[in-house]
Amino acid sequence: MLLDRGITVVDILLNLSDSLSLADRLLMIEHDGTVREIPKENFAFVPRNVPWGTFYLGEA
């Protein structure tokens, strides 16, 4: 209902699979601020294990 009215909905979940089941796009933000948008049609190509594995290897 909110999306039909043009209202943005942000869903923050810990489980990627749960997030993708509700989302129409996935935004991946890198350490350098680079943003990659993945549309729902390409969710099948997103690894479910840890797509942001490099996040944990970056500087704290």
PDB file of N, CA and C in Angstrom:
ATOM      1  N   MET A   1       0.825  -1.179   0.000  1.00  0.00           N
ATOM      2  CA  MET A   1       0.000   0.000   0.000  1.00  0.00           C
ATOM      3  C   MET A   1       0.882   1.261   0.000  1.00  0.00           C
ATOM      4  N   LEU A   2       1.946   1.260   0.810  1.00  0.00           N
ATOM      5  CA  LEU A   2       2.822   2.431   0.852  1.00  0.00           C
ATOM      6  C   LEU A   2       3.549   2.630  -0.471  1.00  0.00           C
ATOM      7  N   LEU A   3       4.056   1.543  -1.040  1.00  0.00           N
ATOM      8  CA  LEU A   3       4.763   1.636  -2.315  1.00  0.00           C
ATOM      9  C   LEU A   3       3.845   2.142  -3.424  1.00  0.00           C
ATOM     10  N   ASP A   4       2.584   1.708  -3.410  1.00  0.00           N
ATOM     11  CA  ASP A   4       1.616   2.167  -4.404  1.00  0.00           C
ATOM     12  C   ASP A   4       1.398   3.677  -4.330  1.00  0.00           C
ATOM     13  N   ARG A   5       1.617   4.237  -3.148  1.00  0.00           N
ATOM     14  CA  ARG A   5       1.438   5.685  -2.960  1.00  0.00           C
ATOM     15  C   ARG A   5       2.739   6.449  -3.169  1.00  0.00           C
ATOM     16  N   GLY A   6       3.821   5.719  -3.579  1.00  0.00           N
ATOM     17  CA  GLY A   6       5.108   6.370  -3.837  1.00  0.00           C
ATOM     18  C   GLY A   6       5.929   6.621  -2.597  1.00  0.00           C
ATOM     19  N   ILE A   7       5.600   5.955  -1.495  1.00  0.00           N
ATOM     20  CA  ILE A   7       6.334   6.126  -0.244  1.00  0.00           C
ATOM     21  C   ILE A   7       7.413   5.056  -0.165  1.00  0.00           C
ATOM     22  N   THR A   8       8.667   5.480   0.050  1.00  0.00           N
ATOM     23  CA  THR A   8       9.788   4.559   0.156  1.00  0.00           C
ATOM     24  C   THR A   8       9.707   3.781   1.459  1.00  0.00           C
ATOM     25  N   VAL A   9       9.965   2.490   1.370  1.00  0.00           N
ATOM     26  CA  VAL A   9       9.989   1.628   2.542  1.00  0.00           C
ATOM     27  C   VAL A   9      11.376   1.017   2.651  1.00  0.00           C
ATOM     28  N   VAL A  10      12.039   1.211   3.785  1.00  0.00           N
ATOM     29  CA  VAL A  10      13.358   0.633   4.028  1.00  0.00           C
ATOM     30  C   VAL A  10      13.192  -0.457   5.066  1.00  0.00           C
ATOM     31  N   ASP A  11      13.655  -1.647   4.705  1.00  0.00           N
ATOM     32  CA  ASP A  11      13.535  -2.809   5.587  1.00  0.00           C
ATOM     33  C   ASP A  11      14.936  -3.261   5.952  1.00  0.00           C
ATOM     34  N   ILE A  12      15.276  -3.202   7.228  1.00  0.00           N
ATOM     35  CA  ILE A  12      16.602  -3.596   7.677  1.00  0.00           C
ATOM     36  C   ILE A  12      16.463  -4.888   8.477  1.00  0.00           C
ATOM     37  N   LEU A  13      16.955  -5.962   7.891  1.00  0.00           N
ATOM     38  CA  LEU A  13      16.902  -7.269   8.532  1.00  0.00           C
ATOM     39  C   LEU A  13      18.301  -7.858   8.608  1.00  0.00           C
ATOM     40  N   LEU A  14      18.494  -8.808   9.486  1.00  0.00           N
ATOM     41  CA  LEU A  14      19.794  -9.460   9.615  1.00  0.00           C
ATOM     42  C   LEU A  14      19.979 -10.588   8.612  1.00  0.00           C
ATOM     43  N   ASN A  15      18.909 -11.165   8.158  1.00  0.00           N
ATOM     44  CA  ASN A  15      18.978 -12.306   7.265  1.00  0.00           C
ATOM     45  C   ASN A  15      18.753 -11.841   5.831  1.00  0.00           C
ATOM     46  N   LEU A  16      19.744 -12.050   4.974  1.00  0.00           N
ATOM     47  CA  LEU A  16      19.636 -11.582   3.593  1.00  0.00           C
ATOM     48  C   LEU A  16      18.469 -12.232   2.873  1.00  0.00           C
ATOM     49  N   SER A  17      18.249 -13.502   3.074  1.00  0.00           N
ATOM     50  CA  SER A  17      17.138 -14.182   2.399  1.00  0.00           C
ATOM     51  C   SER A  17      15.798 -13.565   2.763  1.00  0.00           C
ATOM     52  N   ASP A  18      15.616 -13.228   4.043  1.00  0.00           N
ATOM     53  CA  ASP A  18      14.377 -12.567   4.457  1.00  0.00           C
ATOM     54  C   ASP A  18      14.237 -11.209   3.790  1.00  0.00           C
ATOM     55  N   SER A  19      15.330 -10.471   3.708  1.00  0.00           N
ATOM     56  CA  SER A  19      15.290  -9.150   3.088  1.00  0.00           C
ATOM     57  C   SER A  19      14.921  -9.235   1.620  1.00  0.00           C
ATOM     58  N   LEU A  20      15.533 -10.180   0.908  1.00  0.00           N
ATOM     59  CA  LEU A  20      15.279 -10.291  -0.525  1.00  0.00           C
ATOM     60  C   LEU A  20      13.869 -10.761  -0.831  1.00  0.00           C
ATOM     61  N   SER A  21      13.258 -11.483   0.089  1.00  0.00           N
ATOM     62  CA  SER A  21      11.885 -11.931  -0.154  1.00  0.00           C
ATOM     63  C   SER A  21      10.903 -10.758  -0.143  1.00  0.00           C
ATOM     64  N   LEU A  22      11.275  -9.646   0.486  1.00  0.00           N
ATOM     65  CA  LEU A  22      10.398  -8.477   0.572  1.00  0.00           C
ATOM     66  C   LEU A  22      10.811  -7.335  -0.357  1.00  0.00           C
ATOM     67  N   ALA A  23      12.063  -7.337  -0.795  1.00  0.00           N
ATOM     68  CA  ALA A  23      12.631  -6.185  -1.504  1.00  0.00           C
ATOM     69  C   ALA A  23      12.320  -6.181  -2.995  1.00  0.00           C
ATOM     70  N   ASP A  24      12.384  -4.993  -3.578  1.00  0.00           N
ATOM     71  CA  ASP A  24      12.302  -4.890  -5.035  1.00  0.00           C
ATOM     72  C   ASP A  24      13.654  -4.498  -5.619  1.00  0.00           C
ATOM     73  N   ARG A  25      14.619  -4.185  -4.737  1.00  0.00           N
ATOM     74  CA  ARG A  25      15.999  -3.918  -5.148  1.00  0.00           C
ATOM     75  C   ARG A  25      16.917  -4.047  -3.941  1.00  0.00           C
ATOM     76  N   LEU A  26      18.182  -4.299  -4.190  1.00  0.00           N
ATOM     77  CA  LEU A  26      19.182  -4.413  -3.131  1.00  0.00           C
ATOM     78  C   LEU A  26      20.260  -3.391  -3.409  1.00  0.00           C
ATOM     79  N   LEU A  27      20.590  -2.579  -2.419  1.00  0.00           N
ATOM     80  CA  LEU A  27      21.666  -1.610  -2.551  1.00  0.00           C
ATOM     81  C   LEU A  27      22.856  -2.113  -1.752  1.00  0.00           C
ATOM     82  N   MET A  28      23.994  -2.255  -2.431  1.00  0.00           N
ATOM     83  CA  MET A  28      25.228  -2.669  -1.764  1.00  0.00           C
ATOM     84  C   MET A  28      26.152  -1.462  -1.748  1.00  0.00           C
ATOM     85  N   ILE A  29      26.551  -1.036  -0.557  1.00  0.00           N
ATOM     86  CA  ILE A  29      27.387   0.150  -0.393  1.00  0.00           C
ATOM     87  C   ILE A  29      28.772  -0.299   0.065  1.00  0.00           C
ATOM     88  N   GLU A  30      29.774   0.031  -0.740  1.00  0.00           N
ATOM     89  CA  GLU A  30      31.152  -0.347  -0.447  1.00  0.00           C
ATOM     90  C   GLU A  30      31.785   0.637   0.541  1.00  0.00           C
ATOM     91  N   HIS A  31      32.964   0.293   1.068  1.00  0.00           N
ATOM     92  CA  HIS A  31      33.671   1.171   2.004  1.00  0.00           C
ATOM     93  C   HIS A  31      33.982   2.537   1.405  1.00  0.00           C
ATOM     94  N   ASP A  32      34.259   2.565   0.101  1.00  0.00           N
ATOM     95  CA  ASP A  32      34.606   3.832  -0.542  1.00  0.00           C
ATOM     96  C   ASP A  32      33.375   4.657  -0.934  1.00  0.00           C
ATOM     97  N   GLY A  33      32.192   4.178  -0.577  1.00  0.00           N
ATOM     98  CA  GLY A  33      30.964   4.894  -0.866  1.00  0.00           C
ATOM     99  C   GLY A  33      30.308   4.507  -2.182  1.00  0.00           C
ATOM    100  N   THR A  34      30.954   3.631  -2.941  1.00  0.00           N
ATOM    101  CA  THR A  34      30.385   3.155  -4.187  1.00  0.00           C
ATOM    102  C   THR A  34      29.102   2.391  -3.897  1.00  0.00           C
ATOM    103  N   VAL A  35      28.049   2.702  -4.650  1.00  0.00           N
ATOM    104  CA  VAL A  35      26.759   2.047  -4.457  1.00  0.00           C
ATOM    105  C   VAL A  35      26.445   1.205  -5.691  1.00  0.00           C
ATOM    106  N   ARG A  36      26.062  -0.042  -5.450  1.00  0.00           N
ATOM    107  CA  ARG A  36      25.643  -0.912  -6.543  1.00  0.00           C
ATOM    108  C   ARG A  36      24.197  -1.297  -6.290  1.00  0.00           C
ATOM    109  N   GLU A  37      23.355  -1.069  -7.270  1.00  0.00           N
ATOM    110  CA  GLU A  37      21.935  -1.402  -7.158  1.00  0.00           C
ATOM    111  C   GLU A  37      21.668  -2.689  -7.930  1.00  0.00           C
ATOM    112  N   ILE A  38      21.041  -3.646  -7.257  1.00  0.00           N
ATOM    113  CA  ILE A  38      20.704  -4.923  -7.880  1.00  0.00           C
ATOM    114  C   ILE A  38      19.187  -5.036  -7.907  1.00  0.00           C
ATOM    115  N   PRO A  39      18.601  -5.074  -9.114  1.00  0.00           N
ATOM    116  CA  PRO A  39      17.143  -5.181  -9.211  1.00  0.00           C
ATOM    117  C   PRO A  39      16.654  -6.589  -8.874  1.00  0.00           C
ATOM    118  N   LYS A  40      15.397  -6.702  -8.527  1.00  0.00           N
ATOM    119  CA  LYS A  40      14.796  -7.975  -8.119  1.00  0.00           C
ATOM    120  C   LYS A  40      15.038  -9.081  -9.142  1.00  0.00           C
ATOM    121  N   GLU A  41      15.047  -8.730 -10.439  1.00  0.00           N
ATOM    122  CA  GLU A  41      15.243  -9.732 -11.487  1.00  0.00           C
ATOM    123  C   GLU A  41      16.602 -10.421 -11.377  1.00  0.00           C
ATOM    124  N   ASN A  42      17.570  -9.787 -10.705  1.00  0.00           N
ATOM    125  CA  ASN A  42      18.923 -10.350 -10.584  1.00  0.00           C
ATOM    126  C   ASN A  42      19.224 -10.915  -9.201  1.00  0.00           C
ATOM    127  N   PHE A  43      18.239 -11.012  -8.320  1.00  0.00           N
ATOM    128  CA  PHE A  43      18.474 -11.541  -6.980  1.00  0.00           C
ATOM    129  C   PHE A  43      19.026 -12.972  -7.010  1.00  0.00           C
ATOM    130  N   ALA A  44      18.677 -13.733  -8.037  1.00  0.00           N
ATOM    131  CA  ALA A  44      19.153 -15.122  -8.113  1.00  0.00           C
ATOM    132  C   ALA A  44      20.674 -15.191  -8.215  1.00  0.00           C
ATOM    133  N   PHE A  45      21.314 -14.093  -8.622  1.00  0.00           N
ATOM    134  CA  PHE A  45      22.761 -14.076  -8.787  1.00  0.00           C
ATOM    135  C   PHE A  45      23.489 -13.550  -7.552  1.00  0.00           C
ATOM    136  N   VAL A  46      22.759 -13.141  -6.532  1.00  0.00           N
ATOM    137  CA  VAL A  46      23.369 -12.651  -5.289  1.00  0.00           C
ATOM    138  C   VAL A  46      23.694 -13.852  -4.408  1.00  0.00           C
ATOM    139  N   PRO A  47      24.972 -14.024  -4.015  1.00  0.00           N
ATOM    140  CA  PRO A  47      25.300 -15.148  -3.132  1.00  0.00           C
ATOM    141  C   PRO A  47      24.595 -15.005  -1.793  1.00  0.00           C
ATOM    142  N   ARG A  48      23.985 -16.070  -1.311  1.00  0.00           N
ATOM    143  CA  ARG A  48      23.217 -16.017  -0.061  1.00  0.00           C
ATOM    144  C   ARG A  48      24.091 -16.148   1.185  1.00  0.00           C
ATOM    145  N   ASN A  49      25.308 -16.697   1.043  1.00  0.00           N
ATOM    146  CA  ASN A  49      26.124 -16.923   2.237  1.00  0.00           C
ATOM    147  C   ASN A  49      26.591 -15.605   2.864  1.00  0.00           C
ATOM    148  N   VAL A  50      27.559 -14.923   2.275  1.00  0.00           N
ATOM    149  CA  VAL A  50      28.014 -13.650   2.818  1.00  0.00           C
ATOM    150  C   VAL A  50      28.406 -12.750   1.657  1.00  0.00           C
ATOM    151  N   PRO A  51      27.450 -12.070   1.030  1.00  0.00           N
ATOM    152  CA  PRO A  51      27.793 -11.233  -0.116  1.00  0.00           C
ATOM    153  C   PRO A  51      28.638 -10.031   0.249  1.00  0.00           C
ATOM    154  N   TRP A  52      28.693  -9.697   1.509  1.00  0.00           N
ATOM    155  CA  TRP A  52      29.472  -8.548   1.949  1.00  0.00           C
ATOM    156  C   TRP A  52      30.673  -9.007   2.774  1.00  0.00           C
ATOM    157  N   GLY A  53      31.252 -10.161   2.418  1.00  0.00           N
ATOM    158  CA  GLY A  53      32.396 -10.722   3.144  1.00  0.00           C
ATOM    159  C   GLY A  53      33.553  -9.754   3.292  1.00  0.00           C
ATOM    160  N   THR A  54      33.797  -8.917   2.282  1.00  0.00           N
ATOM    161  CA  THR A  54      34.895  -7.958   2.373  1.00  0.00           C
ATOM    162  C   THR A  54      34.636  -6.898   3.430  1.00  0.00           C
ATOM    163  N   PHE A  55      33.389  -6.698   3.810  1.00  0.00           N
ATOM    164  CA  PHE A  55      33.068  -5.722   4.850  1.00  0.00           C
ATOM    165  C   PHE A  55      33.801  -6.055   6.151  1.00  0.00           C
ATOM    166  N   TYR A  56      33.846  -7.350   6.480  1.00  0.00           N
ATOM    167  CA  TYR A  56      34.457  -7.786   7.727  1.00  0.00           C
ATOM    168  C   TYR A  56      35.971  -7.756   7.671  1.00  0.00           C
ATOM    169  N   LEU A  57      36.532  -7.673   6.468  1.00  0.00           N
ATOM    170  CA  LEU A  57      37.984  -7.657   6.312  1.00  0.00           C
ATOM    171  C   LEU A  57      38.529  -6.239   6.227  1.00  0.00           C
ATOM    172  N   GLY A  58      37.648  -5.246   6.132  1.00  0.00           N
ATOM    173  CA  GLY A  58      38.066  -3.851   6.005  1.00  0.00           C
ATOM    174  C   GLY A  58      38.596  -3.298   7.304  1.00  0.00           C
ATOM    175  N   GLU A  59      39.099  -2.075   7.210  1.00  0.00           N
ATOM    176  CA  GLU A  59      39.624  -1.411   8.407  1.00  0.00           C
ATOM    177  C   GLU A  59      38.496  -1.051   9.355  1.00  0.00           C
ATOM    178  N   ALA A  60      38.759  -1.169  10.640  1.00  0.00           N
ATOM    179  CA  ALA A  60      37.745  -0.852  11.655  1.00  0.00           C
ATOM    180  C   ALA A  60      37.686   0.623  11.915  1.00  0.00           C
TER     181      ALA A  60
END
